[in-house]
C-alpha atoms as a PDB file:
ATOM      1  CA  MET A   1      -0.228   0.213   0.066  1.00  0.00           C
ATOM      2  CA  SER A   2       1.235   3.398  -1.080  1.00  0.00           C
ATOM      3  CA  THR A   3       0.561   6.742  -0.333  1.00  0.00           C
ATOM      4  CA  VAL A   4       0.677   9.618  -2.695  1.00  0.00           C
ATOM      5  CA  GLY A   5       0.019  13.270  -3.164  1.00  0.00           C
ATOM      6  CA  VAL A   6      -1.545  14.231  -6.582  1.00  0.00           C
ATOM      7  CA  LYS A   7       1.172  16.382  -8.136  1.00  0.00           C
ATOM      8  CA  GLU A   8       3.100  13.122  -7.450  1.00  0.00           C
ATOM      9  CA  LEU A   9       0.651  11.474  -9.071  1.00  0.00           C
ATOM     10  CA  LYS A  10       0.900  13.331 -12.034  1.00  0.00           C
ATOM     11  CA  ASN A  11       3.623  13.460 -12.686  1.00  0.00           C
ATOM     12  CA  ARG A  12       4.349   9.410 -12.324  1.00  0.00           C
ATOM     13  CA  LEU A  13       1.229   8.419 -13.658  1.00  0.00           C
ATOM     14  CA  THR A  14       2.422   5.291 -15.404  1.00  0.00           C
ATOM     15  CA  GLN A  15       4.626   3.798 -12.811  1.00  0.00           C
ATOM     16  CA  TYR A  16       2.331   4.094 -10.028  1.00  0.00           C
ATOM     17  CA  LEU A  17      -0.277   1.871 -12.867  1.00  0.00           C
ATOM     18  CA  ARG A  18       2.515  -0.376 -13.524  1.00  0.00           C
ATOM     19  CA  ARG A  19       2.655  -0.971  -9.319  1.00  0.00           C
ATOM     20  CA  THR A  20      -1.287  -1.382  -9.207  1.00  0.00           C
ATOM     21  CA  LYS A  21      -1.461  -3.723 -11.839  1.00  0.00           C
ATOM     22  CA  GLN A  22       0.684  -5.569 -10.024  1.00  0.00           C
ATOM     23  CA  GLY A  23      -1.514  -5.835  -7.558  1.00  0.00           C
ATOM     24  CA  GLU A  24      -1.161  -2.777  -5.566  1.00  0.00           C
ATOM     25  CA  GLU A  25      -3.471  -0.078  -3.962  1.00  0.00           C
ATOM     26  CA  ILE A  26      -2.606   3.641  -4.114  1.00  0.00           C
ATOM     27  CA  VAL A  27      -4.111   6.094  -1.516  1.00  0.00           C
ATOM     28  CA  VAL A  28      -4.701   9.534  -3.075  1.00  0.00           C
ATOM     29  CA  THR A  29      -3.862  12.593  -1.383  1.00  0.00           C
ATOM     30  CA  GLU A  30      -4.334  15.586  -1.938  1.00  0.00           C
ATOM     31  CA  ARG A  31      -2.764  17.995   0.684  1.00  0.00           C
ATOM     32  CA  GLY A  32      -2.527  15.307   2.680  1.00  0.00           C
ATOM     33  CA  ARG A  33      -6.178  14.489   2.883  1.00  0.00           C
ATOM     34  CA  PRO A  34      -6.912  11.134   1.303  1.00  0.00           C
ATOM     35  CA  VAL A  35      -9.174  12.027  -1.631  1.00  0.00           C
ATOM     36  CA  ALA A  36      -9.228   8.450  -3.862  1.00  0.00           C
ATOM     37  CA  VAL A  37      -7.907   4.683  -3.875  1.00  0.00           C
ATOM     38  CA  ILE A  38      -5.918   3.003  -7.022  1.00  0.00           C
ATOM     39  CA  GLN A  39      -6.659  -0.349  -7.025  1.00  0.00           C
ATOM     40  CA  PRO A  40      -6.655  -3.283  -9.872  1.00  0.00           C
ATOM     41  CA  ILE A  41      -9.803  -3.806 -11.586  1.00  0.00           C
ATOM     42  CA  GLN A  42      -9.476  -7.671  -9.897  1.00  0.00           C
ATOM     43  CA  SER A  43     -10.208  -5.896  -6.862  1.00  0.00           C
ATOM     44  CA  ALA A  44     -12.349  -3.246  -7.396  1.00  0.00           C
ATOM     45  CA  ARG A  45     -15.296  -4.382  -5.270  1.00  0.00           C
ATOM     46  CA  THR A  46     -13.087  -4.989  -2.026  1.00  0.00           C
ATOM     47  CA  ILE A  47     -10.548  -2.725  -0.893  1.00  0.00           C
ATOM     48  CA  LEU A  48      -8.048  -4.957   0.800  1.00  0.00           C
ATOM     49  CA  SER A  49      -5.348  -2.796   2.676  1.00  0.00           C
ATOM     50  CA  LEU A  50      -5.535  -1.339   5.750  1.00  0.00           C
ATOM     51  CA  ASP A  51      -4.602   2.034   4.960  1.00  0.00           C
ATOM     52  CA  ALA A  52      -7.400   2.223   2.156  1.00  0.00           C
ATOM     53  CA  LYS A  53     -10.090   1.482   4.539  1.00  0.00           C
ATOM     54  CA  LEU A  54      -8.537   3.750   7.039  1.00  0.00           C
ATOM     55  CA  ALA A  55      -8.823   6.108   3.584  1.00  0.00           C
ATOM     56  CA  ARG A  56     -12.663   5.343   3.170  1.00  0.00           C
ATOM     57  CA  LEU A  57     -13.368   6.023   6.248  1.00  0.00           C
ATOM     58  CA  ALA A  58     -11.669   9.279   6.294  1.00  0.00           C
ATOM     59  CA  ALA A  59     -13.432  10.625   3.174  1.00  0.00           C
ATOM     60  CA  GLN A  60     -16.895   9.527   5.028  1.00  0.00           C
ATOM     61  CA  GLY A  61     -15.565  11.995   7.880  1.00  0.00           C
ATOM     62  CA  ARG A  62     -15.977   8.426  10.256  1.00  0.00           C
ATOM     63  CA  VAL A  63     -12.464   8.500  11.384  1.00  0.00           C
ATOM     64  CA  SER A  64      -9.961  11.472  11.511  1.00  0.00           C
ATOM     65  CA  LEU A  65      -6.408  10.561  10.511  1.00  0.00           C
ATOM     66  CA  PRO A  66      -3.021  11.726  12.177  1.00  0.00           C
ATOM     67  CA  THR A  67      -1.080  14.929  10.758  1.00  0.00           C
ATOM     68  CA  ARG A  68       2.030  14.190  11.821  1.00  0.00           C
ATOM     69  CA  ALA A  69       4.027  11.225  11.099  1.00  0.00           C
ATOM     70  CA  PRO A  70       4.916   9.238  14.308  1.00  0.00           C
ATOM     71  CA  LEU A  71       7.632   9.475  17.143  1.00  0.00           C
ATOM     72  CA  LYS A  72      10.425   7.236  15.512  1.00  0.00           C
ATOM     73  CA  ARG A  73      12.346   7.695  18.514  1.00  0.00           C
ATOM     74  CA  VAL A  74      11.389   7.783  22.049  1.00  0.00           C
ATOM     75  CA  ARG A  75      13.936   8.612  24.373  1.00  0.00           C
ATOM     76  CA  LEU A  76      13.268   7.282  27.945  1.00  0.00           C
ATOM     77  CA  VAL A  77      13.580   8.998  31.281  1.00  0.00           C
ATOM     78  CA  ARG A  78      15.396   8.392  34.210  1.00  0.00           C
ATOM     79  CA  VAL A  79      13.863   9.401  37.871  1.00  0.00           C
ATOM     80  CA  ARG A  80      15.912   9.026  41.158  1.00  0.00           C
ATOM     81  CA  GLY A  81      14.715   8.089  44.478  1.00  0.00           C
ATOM     82  CA  PRO A  82      12.627   5.643  45.548  1.00  0.00           C
ATOM     83  CA  ARG A  83      10.826   3.656  43.003  1.00  0.00           C
ATOM     84  CA  ILE A  84       7.032   5.058  42.741  1.00  0.00           C
ATOM     85  CA  ALA A  85       5.432   2.224  43.626  1.00  0.00           C
ATOM     86  CA  ARG A  86       6.873   1.910  46.955  1.00  0.00           C
ATOM     87  CA  THR A  87       5.388   5.693  47.542  1.00  0.00           C
ATOM     88  CA  VAL A  88       2.000   4.401  46.367  1.00  0.00           C
ATOM     89  CA  VAL A  89       2.040   2.009  48.862  1.00  0.00           C
ATOM     90  CA  GLU A  90       3.559   3.728  51.581  1.00  0.00           C
ATOM     91  CA  ASP A  91       0.419   6.873  50.524  1.00  0.00           C
ATOM     92  CA  ARG A  92      -2.072   3.928  51.042  1.00  0.00           C
ATOM     93  CA  ARG A  93      -0.959   2.722  54.698  1.00  0.00           C
END
């Protein structure tokens, strides 16, 4: 499953059609919002990929897709002192 903007699709339409012929679904976005799904004619009645299903739900207004890319790496925070579990148990006494 690929996501492509309208401008990119316009510039490389042949490439994306070739990928569609091989069975891949492509979600077309306009300003980051999904507007269409290009899929092989054989599977035109069913959407196979999760991204395409989410794009359909977003187009219907049932879900909102994230506007930012997911975090690549989360840094762990080290805390000094007694463990939090111990503090919670002491507070309960």
